[in-house]
Amino acid sequence: MLSKEQRLSRSSDFKSTVRMGTRKKAGNFVLYRAQVAGGDTKVGFIVGKDVGNAVARHRLSRQLRHIVRQLPPAPAGTNSVVRCLPGASKSTFQEMQRSLASIW
């Protein structure tokens, strides 16, 4: 799991990363990445209601945190946001790993 210090928690951080960051898409995932002056490297996840019910969304979030923890660290001072598209809950764990590794 990612520690609390490594996760985005404020909505303003999510908004600024999505608006100002670079965008990459692979499979059912979109990665937004933005540099932050003097900040720590943080990751956040957007899993909307169109992905599935609460159980499916939370399961997907846990799997994504596990996958991101295993990926190489992002450059220092970078905020990253992973957005799940509607078909993401139907992806296998291996498909999620491949998709995220290709855009990370």
C-alpha atoms as a PDB file:
ATOM      1  CA  MET A   1       0.000   0.000   0.000  1.00  0.00           C
ATOM      2  CA  LEU A   2       1.014   3.586  -0.491  1.00  0.00           C
ATOM      3  CA  SER A   3       1.566   5.544   2.696  1.00  0.00           C
ATOM      4  CA  LYS A   4      -0.569   8.595   3.443  1.00  0.00           C
ATOM      5  CA  GLU A   5       2.370  10.868   2.643  1.00  0.00           C
ATOM      6  CA  GLN A   6       2.506   9.411  -0.874  1.00  0.00           C
ATOM      7  CA  ARG A   7      -1.198   9.908  -1.685  1.00  0.00           C
ATOM      8  CA  LEU A   8      -2.999  12.973  -2.976  1.00  0.00           C
ATOM      9  CA  SER A   9      -5.827  13.956  -0.646  1.00  0.00           C
ATOM     10  CA  ARG A  10      -6.885  17.528  -1.436  1.00  0.00           C
ATOM     11  CA  SER A  11      -9.313  18.131  -4.293  1.00  0.00           C
ATOM     12  CA  SER A  12      -7.316  21.201  -5.354  1.00  0.00           C
ATOM     13  CA  ASP A  13      -4.261  18.957  -5.937  1.00  0.00           C
ATOM     14  CA  PHE A  14      -6.337  16.602  -8.062  1.00  0.00           C
ATOM     15  CA  LYS A  15      -7.798  19.483 -10.093  1.00  0.00           C
ATOM     16  CA  SER A  16      -4.472  21.180 -10.742  1.00  0.00           C
ATOM     17  CA  THR A  17      -2.811  17.901 -11.746  1.00  0.00           C
ATOM     18  CA  VAL A  18      -5.592  16.988 -14.183  1.00  0.00           C
ATOM     19  CA  ARG A  19      -5.773  20.498 -15.673  1.00  0.00           C
ATOM     20  CA  MET A  20      -2.067  21.309 -15.925  1.00  0.00           C
ATOM     21  CA  GLY A  21      -0.521  17.856 -16.243  1.00  0.00           C
ATOM     22  CA  THR A  22       0.488  15.834 -19.247  1.00  0.00           C
ATOM     23  CA  ARG A  23      -1.970  13.126 -20.289  1.00  0.00           C
ATOM     24  CA  LYS A  24      -1.287   9.534 -21.334  1.00  0.00           C
ATOM     25  CA  LYS A  25      -3.886   6.847 -22.024  1.00  0.00           C
ATOM     26  CA  ALA A  26      -3.555   3.067 -22.118  1.00  0.00           C
ATOM     27  CA  GLY A  27      -6.429   0.599 -21.992  1.00  0.00           C
ATOM     28  CA  ASN A  28      -8.989   1.746 -19.440  1.00  0.00           C
ATOM     29  CA  PHE A  29      -6.674   4.151 -17.622  1.00  0.00           C
ATOM     30  CA  VAL A  30      -5.545   7.750 -18.093  1.00  0.00           C
ATOM     31  CA  LEU A  31      -2.447   9.083 -16.315  1.00  0.00           C
ATOM     32  CA  TYR A  32      -2.072  12.793 -15.583  1.00  0.00           C
ATOM     33  CA  ARG A  33       1.319  13.942 -14.342  1.00  0.00           C
ATOM     34  CA  ALA A  34       2.343  17.461 -13.251  1.00  0.00           C
ATOM     35  CA  GLN A  35       5.476  18.914 -11.658  1.00  0.00           C
ATOM     36  CA  VAL A  36       5.053  20.566  -8.272  1.00  0.00           C
ATOM     37  CA  ALA A  37       7.545  23.149  -7.062  1.00  0.00           C
ATOM     38  CA  GLY A  38       9.222  21.906  -3.909  1.00  0.00           C
ATOM     39  CA  GLY A  39       6.650  19.197  -3.281  1.00  0.00           C
ATOM     40  CA  ASP A  40       6.848  15.500  -2.617  1.00  0.00           C
ATOM     41  CA  THR A  41       5.950  12.842  -5.151  1.00  0.00           C
ATOM     42  CA  LYS A  42       2.278  11.920  -4.689  1.00  0.00           C
ATOM     43  CA  VAL A  43      -0.261   9.703  -6.428  1.00  0.00           C
ATOM     44  CA  GLY A  44      -4.056   9.873  -6.521  1.00  0.00           C
ATOM     45  CA  PHE A  45      -6.802   7.796  -8.099  1.00  0.00           C
ATOM     46  CA  ILE A  46     -10.103   8.814  -9.651  1.00  0.00           C
ATOM     47  CA  VAL A  47     -12.573   5.930  -9.758  1.00  0.00           C
ATOM     48  CA  GLY A  48     -16.011   7.294 -10.666  1.00  0.00           C
ATOM     49  CA  LYS A  49     -19.430   5.743 -10.226  1.00  0.00           C
ATOM     50  CA  ASP A  50     -19.544   4.805 -13.910  1.00  0.00           C
ATOM     51  CA  VAL A  51     -16.872   2.157 -13.151  1.00  0.00           C
ATOM     52  CA  GLY A  52     -19.211   0.124 -10.942  1.00  0.00           C
ATOM     53  CA  ASN A  53     -20.760  -0.114  -7.515  1.00  0.00           C
ATOM     54  CA  ALA A  54     -18.901   0.756  -4.304  1.00  0.00           C
ATOM     55  CA  VAL A  55     -17.456  -2.721  -3.887  1.00  0.00           C
ATOM     56  CA  ALA A  56     -16.016  -2.710  -7.426  1.00  0.00           C
ATOM     57  CA  ARG A  57     -14.623   0.824  -7.037  1.00  0.00           C
ATOM     58  CA  HIS A  58     -12.871   0.107  -3.741  1.00  0.00           C
ATOM     59  CA  ARG A  59     -11.471  -3.182  -5.027  1.00  0.00           C
ATOM     60  CA  LEU A  60     -10.113  -1.408  -8.097  1.00  0.00           C
ATOM     61  CA  SER A  61      -8.569   1.336  -5.943  1.00  0.00           C
ATOM     62  CA  ARG A  62      -6.795  -1.225  -3.759  1.00  0.00           C
ATOM     63  CA  GLN A  63      -5.452  -3.035  -6.810  1.00  0.00           C
ATOM     64  CA  LEU A  64      -4.216   0.217  -8.346  1.00  0.00           C
ATOM     65  CA  ARG A  65      -2.417   1.235  -5.148  1.00  0.00           C
ATOM     66  CA  HIS A  66      -0.701  -2.145  -5.105  1.00  0.00           C
ATOM     67  CA  ILE A  67       0.355  -1.861  -8.759  1.00  0.00           C
ATOM     68  CA  VAL A  68       1.651   1.712  -8.426  1.00  0.00           C
ATOM     69  CA  ARG A  69       3.675   0.763  -5.367  1.00  0.00           C
ATOM     70  CA  GLN A  70       5.529  -1.830  -7.460  1.00  0.00           C
ATOM     71  CA  LEU A  71       6.273   0.558 -10.345  1.00  0.00           C
ATOM     72  CA  PRO A  72       9.502   2.599 -10.418  1.00  0.00           C
ATOM     73  CA  PRO A  73       9.149   5.858  -8.471  1.00  0.00           C
ATOM     74  CA  ALA A  74       8.004   8.936 -10.369  1.00  0.00           C
ATOM     75  CA  PRO A  75      10.431  11.859 -10.628  1.00  0.00           C
ATOM     76  CA  ALA A  76      10.778  13.924  -7.448  1.00  0.00           C
ATOM     77  CA  GLY A  77       8.211  16.681  -7.024  1.00  0.00           C
ATOM     78  CA  THR A  78       5.630  15.042  -9.288  1.00  0.00           C
ATOM     79  CA  ASN A  79       1.903  14.628  -8.729  1.00  0.00           C
ATOM     80  CA  SER A  80       0.323  11.745 -10.630  1.00  0.00           C
ATOM     81  CA  VAL A  81      -3.391  11.016 -10.996  1.00  0.00           C
ATOM     82  CA  VAL A  82      -4.730   7.776 -12.465  1.00  0.00           C
ATOM     83  CA  ARG A  83      -8.285   8.041 -13.821  1.00  0.00           C
ATOM     84  CA  CYS A  84     -10.234   4.836 -14.419  1.00  0.00           C
ATOM     85  CA  LEU A  85     -12.505   4.681 -17.439  1.00  0.00           C
ATOM     86  CA  PRO A  86     -15.830   2.768 -17.302  1.00  0.00           C
ATOM     87  CA  GLY A  87     -14.427  -0.591 -18.489  1.00  0.00           C
ATOM     88  CA  ALA A  88     -11.644  -0.676 -15.895  1.00  0.00           C
ATOM     89  CA  SER A  89     -13.474  -2.946 -13.454  1.00  0.00           C
ATOM     90  CA  LYS A  90     -13.643  -5.668 -16.122  1.00  0.00           C
ATOM     91  CA  SER A  91      -9.852  -5.661 -16.621  1.00  0.00           C
ATOM     92  CA  THR A  92      -7.783  -8.463 -15.157  1.00  0.00           C
ATOM     93  CA  PHE A  93      -5.007  -7.649 -12.712  1.00  0.00           C
ATOM     94  CA  GLN A  94      -2.371  -8.467 -15.369  1.00  0.00           C
ATOM     95  CA  GLU A  95      -4.061  -6.152 -17.903  1.00  0.00           C
ATOM     96  CA  MET A  96      -4.054  -3.358 -15.317  1.00  0.00           C
ATOM     97  CA  GLN A  97      -0.356  -3.933 -14.612  1.00  0.00           C
ATOM     98  CA  ARG A  98       0.533  -3.812 -18.321  1.00  0.00           C
ATOM     99  CA  SER A  99      -1.560  -0.698 -18.968  1.00  0.00           C
ATOM    100  CA  LEU A 100      -0.161   1.247 -16.036  1.00  0.00           C
ATOM    101  CA  ALA A 101       3.420   0.146 -16.693  1.00  0.00           C
ATOM    102  CA  SER A 102       3.145   1.348 -20.302  1.00  0.00           C
ATOM    103  CA  ILE A 103       2.034   4.860 -19.332  1.00  0.00           C
ATOM    104  CA  TRP A 104       3.999   5.253 -16.098  1.00  0.00           C
END
